[in-house]
N, C-alpha and C. Protein backbone atom coordinates (compact mmCIF):
# COMPACT_ATOMS: atom_id res chain seq x y z
N MET A 1 -83.67 -57.17 10.96
CA MET A 1 -83.14 -56.67 9.74
C MET A 1 -82.97 -57.87 8.81
N ASN A 2 -83.31 -57.61 7.61
CA ASN A 2 -83.20 -58.72 6.68
C ASN A 2 -81.79 -58.77 6.10
N ALA A 3 -81.49 -59.79 5.39
CA ALA A 3 -80.16 -60.06 4.88
C ALA A 3 -79.72 -58.99 3.89
N LEU A 4 -80.66 -58.51 3.08
CA LEU A 4 -80.32 -57.48 2.09
C LEU A 4 -79.95 -56.19 2.80
N SER A 5 -80.68 -55.83 3.83
CA SER A 5 -80.38 -54.60 4.58
C SER A 5 -79.02 -54.71 5.26
N LYS A 6 -78.71 -55.91 5.81
CA LYS A 6 -77.41 -56.11 6.45
C LYS A 6 -76.29 -56.01 5.41
N TYR A 7 -76.54 -56.56 4.24
CA TYR A 7 -75.56 -56.52 3.19
C TYR A 7 -75.29 -55.09 2.74
N ILE A 8 -76.32 -54.29 2.56
CA ILE A 8 -76.19 -52.90 2.12
C ILE A 8 -75.52 -52.09 3.22
N LEU A 9 -75.89 -52.32 4.46
CA LEU A 9 -75.28 -51.62 5.58
C LEU A 9 -73.79 -51.97 5.67
N SER A 10 -73.43 -53.22 5.54
CA SER A 10 -72.04 -53.66 5.57
C SER A 10 -71.25 -53.03 4.42
N LEU A 11 -71.86 -52.97 3.24
CA LEU A 11 -71.23 -52.37 2.07
C LEU A 11 -70.98 -50.88 2.29
N CYS A 12 -71.93 -50.19 2.90
CA CYS A 12 -71.77 -48.75 3.21
C CYS A 12 -70.65 -48.53 4.21
N VAL A 13 -70.62 -49.33 5.28
CA VAL A 13 -69.58 -49.21 6.29
C VAL A 13 -68.21 -49.47 5.65
N PHE A 14 -68.13 -50.46 4.80
CA PHE A 14 -66.88 -50.79 4.13
C PHE A 14 -66.42 -49.63 3.25
N CYS A 15 -67.33 -49.05 2.49
CA CYS A 15 -67.00 -47.93 1.61
C CYS A 15 -66.54 -46.71 2.40
N ILE A 16 -67.24 -46.44 3.50
CA ILE A 16 -66.85 -45.31 4.35
C ILE A 16 -65.46 -45.55 4.94
N ALA A 17 -65.18 -46.78 5.35
CA ALA A 17 -63.87 -47.11 5.92
C ALA A 17 -62.77 -46.94 4.89
N VAL A 18 -63.01 -47.34 3.66
CA VAL A 18 -62.02 -47.19 2.58
C VAL A 18 -61.76 -45.71 2.32
N ILE A 19 -62.81 -44.90 2.28
CA ILE A 19 -62.67 -43.46 2.03
C ILE A 19 -61.87 -42.82 3.17
N VAL A 20 -62.16 -43.18 4.40
CA VAL A 20 -61.45 -42.62 5.55
C VAL A 20 -59.97 -43.02 5.51
N VAL A 21 -59.71 -44.26 5.25
CA VAL A 21 -58.33 -44.74 5.21
C VAL A 21 -57.55 -44.05 4.09
N LEU A 22 -58.15 -43.88 2.94
CA LEU A 22 -57.46 -43.25 1.82
C LEU A 22 -57.27 -41.74 2.01
N SER A 23 -58.12 -41.11 2.79
CA SER A 23 -58.01 -39.66 2.94
C SER A 23 -57.12 -39.25 4.11
N VAL A 24 -56.79 -40.13 5.02
CA VAL A 24 -55.95 -39.81 6.16
C VAL A 24 -54.50 -40.09 5.80
N LYS A 25 -53.61 -39.12 6.09
CA LYS A 25 -52.19 -39.30 5.83
C LYS A 25 -51.52 -39.71 7.14
N PRO A 26 -50.52 -40.53 7.05
CA PRO A 26 -49.79 -40.88 8.27
C PRO A 26 -49.18 -39.62 8.89
N ALA A 27 -48.98 -39.61 10.18
CA ALA A 27 -48.51 -38.44 10.91
C ALA A 27 -47.13 -37.97 10.46
N PHE A 28 -46.24 -38.85 10.04
CA PHE A 28 -44.88 -38.48 9.68
C PHE A 28 -44.64 -38.44 8.18
N ALA A 29 -45.69 -38.52 7.41
CA ALA A 29 -45.53 -38.48 5.96
C ALA A 29 -45.34 -37.05 5.50
N ALA A 30 -44.59 -36.86 4.43
CA ALA A 30 -44.37 -35.53 3.86
C ALA A 30 -44.68 -35.59 2.38
N GLU A 31 -45.06 -34.46 1.86
CA GLU A 31 -45.30 -34.38 0.43
C GLU A 31 -43.98 -34.64 -0.28
N VAL A 32 -44.03 -35.14 -1.48
CA VAL A 32 -42.84 -35.46 -2.23
C VAL A 32 -41.99 -34.21 -2.46
N ASP A 33 -42.61 -33.07 -2.68
CA ASP A 33 -41.86 -31.85 -2.95
C ASP A 33 -41.67 -30.98 -1.71
N SER A 34 -41.85 -31.53 -0.52
CA SER A 34 -41.66 -30.78 0.71
C SER A 34 -40.18 -30.59 0.99
N THR A 35 -39.82 -29.49 1.66
CA THR A 35 -38.44 -29.26 2.07
C THR A 35 -38.41 -28.95 3.55
N ALA A 36 -37.27 -29.18 4.12
CA ALA A 36 -37.08 -28.86 5.52
C ALA A 36 -35.72 -28.18 5.66
N THR A 37 -35.63 -27.23 6.56
CA THR A 37 -34.36 -26.57 6.81
C THR A 37 -34.05 -26.64 8.29
N CYS A 38 -32.76 -26.61 8.57
CA CYS A 38 -32.31 -26.62 9.96
C CYS A 38 -31.11 -25.68 10.07
N ALA A 39 -31.23 -24.67 10.87
CA ALA A 39 -30.13 -23.73 11.07
C ALA A 39 -29.20 -24.25 12.15
N VAL A 40 -27.90 -24.29 11.86
CA VAL A 40 -26.91 -24.76 12.81
C VAL A 40 -25.87 -23.65 12.94
N SER A 41 -25.51 -23.30 14.15
CA SER A 41 -24.46 -22.31 14.34
C SER A 41 -23.35 -22.92 15.17
N VAL A 42 -22.13 -22.47 14.89
CA VAL A 42 -20.97 -22.96 15.61
C VAL A 42 -20.18 -21.76 16.10
N THR A 43 -19.76 -21.79 17.32
CA THR A 43 -18.93 -20.72 17.88
C THR A 43 -17.56 -21.29 18.19
N VAL A 44 -16.54 -20.65 17.65
CA VAL A 44 -15.17 -21.08 17.89
C VAL A 44 -14.51 -20.04 18.77
N SER A 45 -13.84 -20.48 19.78
CA SER A 45 -13.12 -19.55 20.66
C SER A 45 -12.03 -18.83 19.87
N PRO A 46 -11.70 -17.60 20.27
CA PRO A 46 -10.63 -16.89 19.56
C PRO A 46 -9.32 -17.67 19.62
N VAL A 47 -8.64 -17.71 18.48
CA VAL A 47 -7.38 -18.43 18.37
C VAL A 47 -6.36 -17.50 17.72
N MET A 48 -5.17 -17.47 18.26
CA MET A 48 -4.06 -16.74 17.65
C MET A 48 -2.81 -17.53 17.94
N GLU A 49 -2.09 -17.89 16.87
CA GLU A 49 -0.92 -18.73 17.05
C GLU A 49 0.17 -18.35 16.05
N TRP A 50 1.38 -18.17 16.54
CA TRP A 50 2.53 -17.94 15.68
C TRP A 50 2.90 -19.26 15.02
N ALA A 51 3.23 -19.23 13.74
CA ALA A 51 3.73 -20.43 13.07
C ALA A 51 5.13 -20.74 13.61
N GLY A 52 5.83 -19.73 14.03
CA GLY A 52 7.15 -19.84 14.66
C GLY A 52 7.20 -18.74 15.71
N ASN A 53 8.37 -18.46 16.22
CA ASN A 53 8.44 -17.40 17.22
C ASN A 53 9.73 -16.61 17.14
N PHE A 54 10.26 -16.46 15.94
CA PHE A 54 11.53 -15.76 15.74
C PHE A 54 12.63 -16.39 16.60
N ALA A 55 12.48 -17.68 16.90
CA ALA A 55 13.40 -18.36 17.82
C ALA A 55 14.81 -18.45 17.26
N THR A 56 14.94 -18.49 15.95
CA THR A 56 16.28 -18.60 15.38
C THR A 56 17.02 -17.27 15.44
N GLY A 57 16.29 -16.20 15.70
CA GLY A 57 16.91 -14.88 15.80
C GLY A 57 17.21 -14.30 14.43
N ILE A 58 17.53 -13.04 14.43
CA ILE A 58 17.88 -12.35 13.20
C ILE A 58 19.40 -12.30 13.13
N SER A 59 19.93 -12.84 12.06
CA SER A 59 21.39 -12.88 11.91
C SER A 59 21.87 -11.59 11.26
N LEU A 60 22.87 -10.98 11.88
CA LEU A 60 23.50 -9.79 11.33
C LEU A 60 24.94 -10.14 10.97
N THR A 61 25.44 -9.52 9.93
CA THR A 61 26.83 -9.77 9.57
C THR A 61 27.74 -9.17 10.64
N ALA A 62 28.98 -9.63 10.66
CA ALA A 62 29.95 -9.17 11.66
C ALA A 62 30.21 -7.68 11.50
N ILE A 63 30.39 -7.03 12.60
CA ILE A 63 30.75 -5.61 12.60
C ILE A 63 32.28 -5.53 12.65
N ASN A 64 32.84 -4.99 11.59
CA ASN A 64 34.30 -4.90 11.51
C ASN A 64 34.81 -3.48 11.68
N ALA A 65 33.92 -2.53 11.59
CA ALA A 65 34.34 -1.13 11.72
C ALA A 65 33.26 -0.37 12.47
N TYR A 66 33.66 0.74 13.05
CA TYR A 66 32.73 1.58 13.81
C TYR A 66 31.54 2.02 12.97
N THR A 67 31.73 2.19 11.69
CA THR A 67 30.67 2.69 10.80
C THR A 67 29.80 1.58 10.24
N ASP A 68 30.12 0.32 10.47
CA ASP A 68 29.29 -0.77 9.97
C ASP A 68 27.90 -0.74 10.63
N ALA A 69 26.89 -0.93 9.83
CA ALA A 69 25.51 -0.98 10.34
C ALA A 69 24.78 -2.13 9.65
N PRO A 70 25.06 -3.35 10.06
CA PRO A 70 24.42 -4.49 9.41
C PRO A 70 22.91 -4.51 9.66
N THR A 71 22.20 -5.07 8.71
CA THR A 71 20.74 -5.18 8.80
C THR A 71 20.35 -6.62 8.54
N GLY A 72 19.35 -7.09 9.25
CA GLY A 72 18.82 -8.43 9.02
C GLY A 72 17.33 -8.45 9.27
N ASN A 73 16.69 -9.53 8.85
CA ASN A 73 15.25 -9.64 9.09
C ASN A 73 14.84 -11.10 9.16
N ASP A 74 13.65 -11.31 9.66
CA ASP A 74 13.05 -12.63 9.73
C ASP A 74 11.54 -12.43 9.67
N ASN A 75 10.84 -13.40 9.12
CA ASN A 75 9.38 -13.26 9.12
C ASN A 75 8.73 -14.50 9.70
N GLN A 76 7.56 -14.27 10.25
CA GLN A 76 6.75 -15.33 10.85
C GLN A 76 5.29 -15.07 10.50
N THR A 77 4.52 -16.13 10.47
CA THR A 77 3.09 -16.03 10.19
C THR A 77 2.31 -16.18 11.48
N ILE A 78 1.30 -15.33 11.64
CA ILE A 78 0.38 -15.46 12.77
C ILE A 78 -0.95 -15.94 12.19
N TYR A 79 -1.42 -17.09 12.67
CA TYR A 79 -2.74 -17.60 12.27
C TYR A 79 -3.75 -17.13 13.31
N THR A 80 -4.88 -16.64 12.83
CA THR A 80 -5.85 -16.07 13.78
C THR A 80 -7.27 -16.15 13.25
N ASN A 81 -8.21 -16.10 14.16
CA ASN A 81 -9.63 -15.95 13.80
C ASN A 81 -10.23 -14.78 14.58
N CYS A 82 -9.37 -13.87 15.03
CA CYS A 82 -9.84 -12.73 15.82
C CYS A 82 -8.92 -11.52 15.60
N ASN A 83 -9.38 -10.37 16.04
CA ASN A 83 -8.56 -9.17 16.00
C ASN A 83 -7.57 -9.22 17.16
N PHE A 84 -6.41 -8.60 17.00
CA PHE A 84 -5.42 -8.55 18.08
C PHE A 84 -4.49 -7.37 17.86
N THR A 85 -3.60 -7.13 18.80
CA THR A 85 -2.62 -6.06 18.66
C THR A 85 -1.21 -6.63 18.83
N ILE A 86 -0.25 -5.92 18.24
CA ILE A 86 1.16 -6.30 18.36
C ILE A 86 1.89 -5.15 19.04
N GLY A 87 2.63 -5.47 20.07
CA GLY A 87 3.44 -4.49 20.78
C GLY A 87 4.87 -5.01 20.87
N ALA A 88 5.73 -4.30 21.54
CA ALA A 88 7.14 -4.71 21.64
C ALA A 88 7.69 -4.43 23.03
N ASP A 89 8.76 -5.13 23.33
CA ASP A 89 9.51 -4.94 24.57
C ASP A 89 10.45 -3.74 24.36
N GLN A 90 10.30 -2.70 25.14
CA GLN A 90 11.15 -1.52 24.99
C GLN A 90 12.22 -1.45 26.09
N THR A 91 12.52 -2.57 26.72
CA THR A 91 13.53 -2.58 27.78
C THR A 91 14.90 -2.89 27.18
N ALA A 92 15.91 -2.83 28.01
CA ALA A 92 17.28 -3.07 27.56
C ALA A 92 17.48 -4.46 26.98
N THR A 93 16.61 -5.40 27.33
CA THR A 93 16.75 -6.75 26.78
C THR A 93 16.50 -6.78 25.27
N ALA A 94 15.93 -5.72 24.72
CA ALA A 94 15.67 -5.65 23.27
C ALA A 94 16.90 -5.14 22.51
N GLN A 95 17.99 -4.84 23.22
CA GLN A 95 19.22 -4.38 22.57
C GLN A 95 20.11 -5.57 22.23
N LEU A 96 20.84 -5.43 21.13
CA LEU A 96 21.85 -6.43 20.79
C LEU A 96 23.08 -6.15 21.65
N ALA A 97 23.58 -7.17 22.31
CA ALA A 97 24.73 -6.97 23.19
C ALA A 97 25.49 -8.27 23.38
N ASN A 98 26.72 -8.13 23.78
CA ASN A 98 27.48 -9.28 24.26
C ASN A 98 28.04 -8.90 25.62
N ALA A 99 29.05 -9.60 26.11
CA ALA A 99 29.54 -9.35 27.46
C ALA A 99 30.14 -7.96 27.66
N THR A 100 30.68 -7.39 26.59
CA THR A 100 31.38 -6.11 26.76
C THR A 100 30.78 -4.97 25.94
N ASP A 101 30.03 -5.26 24.91
CA ASP A 101 29.56 -4.22 24.01
C ASP A 101 28.05 -4.27 23.83
N THR A 102 27.49 -3.10 23.60
CA THR A 102 26.06 -2.99 23.33
C THR A 102 25.87 -2.18 22.06
N LEU A 103 25.00 -2.64 21.21
CA LEU A 103 24.69 -1.91 19.98
C LEU A 103 23.46 -1.04 20.19
N ILE A 104 23.49 0.15 19.59
CA ILE A 104 22.30 0.99 19.58
C ILE A 104 21.36 0.31 18.59
N THR A 105 20.39 -0.42 19.08
CA THR A 105 19.57 -1.32 18.27
C THR A 105 18.28 -0.65 17.82
N ASN A 106 18.01 -0.80 16.54
CA ASN A 106 16.80 -0.24 15.95
C ASN A 106 15.99 -1.35 15.29
N TYR A 107 14.68 -1.20 15.35
CA TYR A 107 13.78 -2.19 14.77
C TYR A 107 12.80 -1.52 13.81
N ARG A 108 12.31 -2.32 12.91
CA ARG A 108 11.26 -1.93 11.97
C ARG A 108 10.43 -3.18 11.72
N MET A 109 9.17 -3.03 11.39
CA MET A 109 8.31 -4.18 11.15
C MET A 109 7.37 -3.89 9.99
N THR A 110 7.05 -4.92 9.23
CA THR A 110 6.02 -4.81 8.19
C THR A 110 5.06 -5.97 8.37
N GLU A 111 3.89 -5.82 7.78
CA GLU A 111 2.92 -6.92 7.76
C GLU A 111 2.29 -6.94 6.38
N ASP A 112 1.81 -8.11 5.94
CA ASP A 112 1.37 -8.25 4.56
C ASP A 112 -0.11 -8.01 4.32
N GLY A 113 -0.85 -7.59 5.32
CA GLY A 113 -2.29 -7.40 5.16
C GLY A 113 -2.66 -5.96 4.89
N ASP A 114 -3.97 -5.74 4.67
CA ASP A 114 -4.46 -4.37 4.45
C ASP A 114 -5.69 -4.05 5.28
N ALA A 115 -6.17 -5.00 6.08
CA ALA A 115 -7.35 -4.83 6.94
C ALA A 115 -8.62 -4.58 6.14
N VAL A 116 -8.59 -4.87 4.84
CA VAL A 116 -9.79 -4.75 4.01
C VAL A 116 -10.08 -6.10 3.37
N ALA A 117 -9.18 -6.57 2.52
CA ALA A 117 -9.35 -7.86 1.86
C ALA A 117 -8.54 -8.95 2.53
N SER A 118 -7.56 -8.57 3.32
CA SER A 118 -6.72 -9.55 3.99
C SER A 118 -6.42 -9.12 5.42
N THR A 119 -6.24 -10.10 6.28
CA THR A 119 -5.95 -9.84 7.69
C THR A 119 -4.70 -8.98 7.79
N GLY A 120 -4.78 -7.91 8.57
CA GLY A 120 -3.63 -7.03 8.73
C GLY A 120 -4.03 -5.69 9.29
N ALA A 121 -3.18 -4.68 9.04
CA ALA A 121 -3.41 -3.32 9.51
C ALA A 121 -3.50 -2.38 8.31
N THR A 122 -4.20 -1.28 8.50
CA THR A 122 -4.28 -0.28 7.44
C THR A 122 -2.95 0.49 7.38
N ASP A 123 -2.72 1.18 6.27
CA ASP A 123 -1.51 2.00 6.16
C ASP A 123 -1.48 3.06 7.25
N GLY A 124 -2.63 3.64 7.55
CA GLY A 124 -2.70 4.65 8.61
C GLY A 124 -2.32 4.09 9.96
N GLN A 125 -2.77 2.88 10.27
CA GLN A 125 -2.41 2.25 11.54
C GLN A 125 -0.92 1.95 11.60
N CYS A 126 -0.35 1.54 10.48
CA CYS A 126 1.10 1.28 10.43
C CYS A 126 1.88 2.57 10.68
N THR A 127 1.41 3.67 10.10
CA THR A 127 2.06 4.97 10.30
C THR A 127 1.94 5.39 11.77
N THR A 128 0.75 5.26 12.34
CA THR A 128 0.54 5.65 13.74
C THR A 128 1.43 4.83 14.68
N SER A 129 1.63 3.56 14.36
CA SER A 129 2.47 2.70 15.20
C SER A 129 3.96 2.89 14.93
N GLY A 130 4.31 3.75 13.95
CA GLY A 130 5.71 4.05 13.68
C GLY A 130 6.43 3.03 12.83
N LEU A 131 5.72 2.29 12.00
CA LEU A 131 6.37 1.24 11.22
C LEU A 131 6.96 1.74 9.91
N ASP A 132 6.83 3.02 9.62
CA ASP A 132 7.34 3.56 8.35
C ASP A 132 8.86 3.62 8.29
N SER A 133 9.51 3.58 9.45
CA SER A 133 10.97 3.66 9.47
C SER A 133 11.49 2.94 10.71
N TYR A 134 12.82 2.81 10.75
CA TYR A 134 13.44 2.18 11.93
C TYR A 134 13.21 3.05 13.16
N ALA A 135 13.05 2.40 14.30
CA ALA A 135 12.89 3.11 15.57
C ALA A 135 13.84 2.49 16.59
N LEU A 136 14.36 3.33 17.45
CA LEU A 136 15.21 2.87 18.54
C LEU A 136 14.42 1.85 19.38
N TYR A 137 15.10 0.81 19.86
CA TYR A 137 14.43 -0.26 20.62
C TYR A 137 13.51 0.29 21.70
N SER A 138 13.89 1.38 22.34
CA SER A 138 13.11 1.91 23.46
C SER A 138 11.84 2.64 23.01
N SER A 139 11.71 2.89 21.71
CA SER A 139 10.48 3.53 21.22
C SER A 139 9.79 2.72 20.14
N PHE A 140 10.29 1.53 19.86
CA PHE A 140 9.69 0.67 18.83
C PHE A 140 8.33 0.14 19.30
N LEU A 141 7.31 0.41 18.52
CA LEU A 141 5.93 -0.04 18.77
C LEU A 141 5.42 0.40 20.15
N THR A 142 5.74 1.61 20.57
CA THR A 142 5.15 2.11 21.81
C THR A 142 3.65 2.31 21.63
N THR A 143 3.23 2.57 20.39
CA THR A 143 1.80 2.54 20.05
C THR A 143 1.56 1.20 19.38
N VAL A 144 0.79 0.33 20.03
CA VAL A 144 0.59 -1.02 19.51
C VAL A 144 -0.06 -0.97 18.13
N LEU A 145 0.20 -1.99 17.35
CA LEU A 145 -0.36 -2.11 16.00
C LEU A 145 -1.59 -2.99 16.05
N PRO A 146 -2.78 -2.45 15.72
CA PRO A 146 -3.97 -3.30 15.69
C PRO A 146 -4.03 -4.10 14.40
N ILE A 147 -4.30 -5.38 14.52
CA ILE A 147 -4.45 -6.27 13.37
C ILE A 147 -5.92 -6.68 13.30
N LEU A 148 -6.54 -6.41 12.16
CA LEU A 148 -7.94 -6.74 11.94
C LEU A 148 -8.05 -8.06 11.20
N HIS A 149 -8.78 -9.01 11.78
CA HIS A 149 -8.99 -10.31 11.14
C HIS A 149 -10.07 -10.19 10.06
N ILE A 150 -9.78 -10.72 8.90
CA ILE A 150 -10.74 -10.79 7.78
C ILE A 150 -11.14 -12.26 7.65
N ASN A 151 -12.45 -12.52 7.64
CA ASN A 151 -12.95 -13.91 7.68
C ASN A 151 -12.41 -14.81 6.58
N THR A 152 -12.13 -14.27 5.41
CA THR A 152 -11.65 -15.11 4.31
C THR A 152 -10.14 -15.25 4.31
N ASP A 153 -9.46 -14.67 5.29
CA ASP A 153 -8.00 -14.72 5.36
C ASP A 153 -7.59 -14.83 6.82
N GLY A 154 -7.17 -15.97 7.26
CA GLY A 154 -6.89 -16.18 8.67
C GLY A 154 -5.43 -16.11 9.06
N ALA A 155 -4.63 -15.35 8.29
CA ALA A 155 -3.21 -15.27 8.64
C ALA A 155 -2.63 -13.92 8.21
N VAL A 156 -1.59 -13.52 8.91
CA VAL A 156 -0.84 -12.32 8.54
C VAL A 156 0.65 -12.64 8.71
N VAL A 157 1.45 -12.22 7.74
CA VAL A 157 2.89 -12.45 7.81
C VAL A 157 3.55 -11.19 8.36
N ILE A 158 4.30 -11.35 9.43
CA ILE A 158 5.01 -10.26 10.08
C ILE A 158 6.50 -10.38 9.75
N THR A 159 7.10 -9.30 9.28
CA THR A 159 8.54 -9.29 9.04
C THR A 159 9.17 -8.29 10.00
N LEU A 160 10.12 -8.77 10.77
CA LEU A 160 10.82 -7.94 11.74
C LEU A 160 12.23 -7.68 11.21
N TYR A 161 12.61 -6.40 11.16
CA TYR A 161 13.93 -5.98 10.70
C TYR A 161 14.71 -5.44 11.89
N CYS A 162 16.01 -5.66 11.87
CA CYS A 162 16.87 -5.18 12.95
C CYS A 162 18.13 -4.58 12.34
N THR A 163 18.58 -3.50 12.91
CA THR A 163 19.84 -2.89 12.49
C THR A 163 20.42 -2.12 13.65
N ASN A 164 21.63 -1.67 13.48
CA ASN A 164 22.20 -0.75 14.46
C ASN A 164 22.73 0.46 13.69
N VAL A 165 22.64 1.60 14.28
CA VAL A 165 23.13 2.81 13.62
C VAL A 165 24.43 3.29 14.22
N GLN A 166 24.78 2.72 15.37
CA GLN A 166 25.97 3.19 16.04
C GLN A 166 26.48 2.11 16.98
N TYR A 167 27.76 1.94 17.01
CA TYR A 167 28.40 0.99 17.92
C TYR A 167 28.72 1.73 19.21
N ASN A 168 28.26 1.19 20.31
CA ASN A 168 28.42 1.89 21.58
C ASN A 168 29.13 0.97 22.56
N VAL A 169 30.34 1.29 22.91
CA VAL A 169 31.10 0.47 23.87
C VAL A 169 30.76 0.98 25.27
N ILE A 170 30.28 0.08 26.09
CA ILE A 170 29.90 0.45 27.46
C ILE A 170 31.04 0.15 28.40
């Protein structure tokens, strides 16, 4: 092969190499306007926690006469990310008493939700659970109150009311 042929052949190989190099994209290169998405999901275990626990108790004024019927209340917040139910103790321990006297104890409860826009119970569920009026301790919340969690509202405020309708000396 003469020098001119070698020169032309070398020039052709060089040109082909340049074209190949310019037309091949690196394996990890992306177009400037490319997008990527990544779906991530997180699962949180159900959580339900009282902000308090009615530990201070409901204070009632002193009973000075047989006809006195003092009323008191306390409220607590329940933080939650799940549905749950509220029930009550219907045993004698739910009565107000001291060493010698026992009060005929009645309870009532409200909650601040609506089970639509905020965590809570519907009006119908409150009625079914007997929350529309005071109930004797032994029948208070015998039908548990279902609380529906709403994703945009993770708390419900519960108000517990206590009264007595009659003084009963045992």
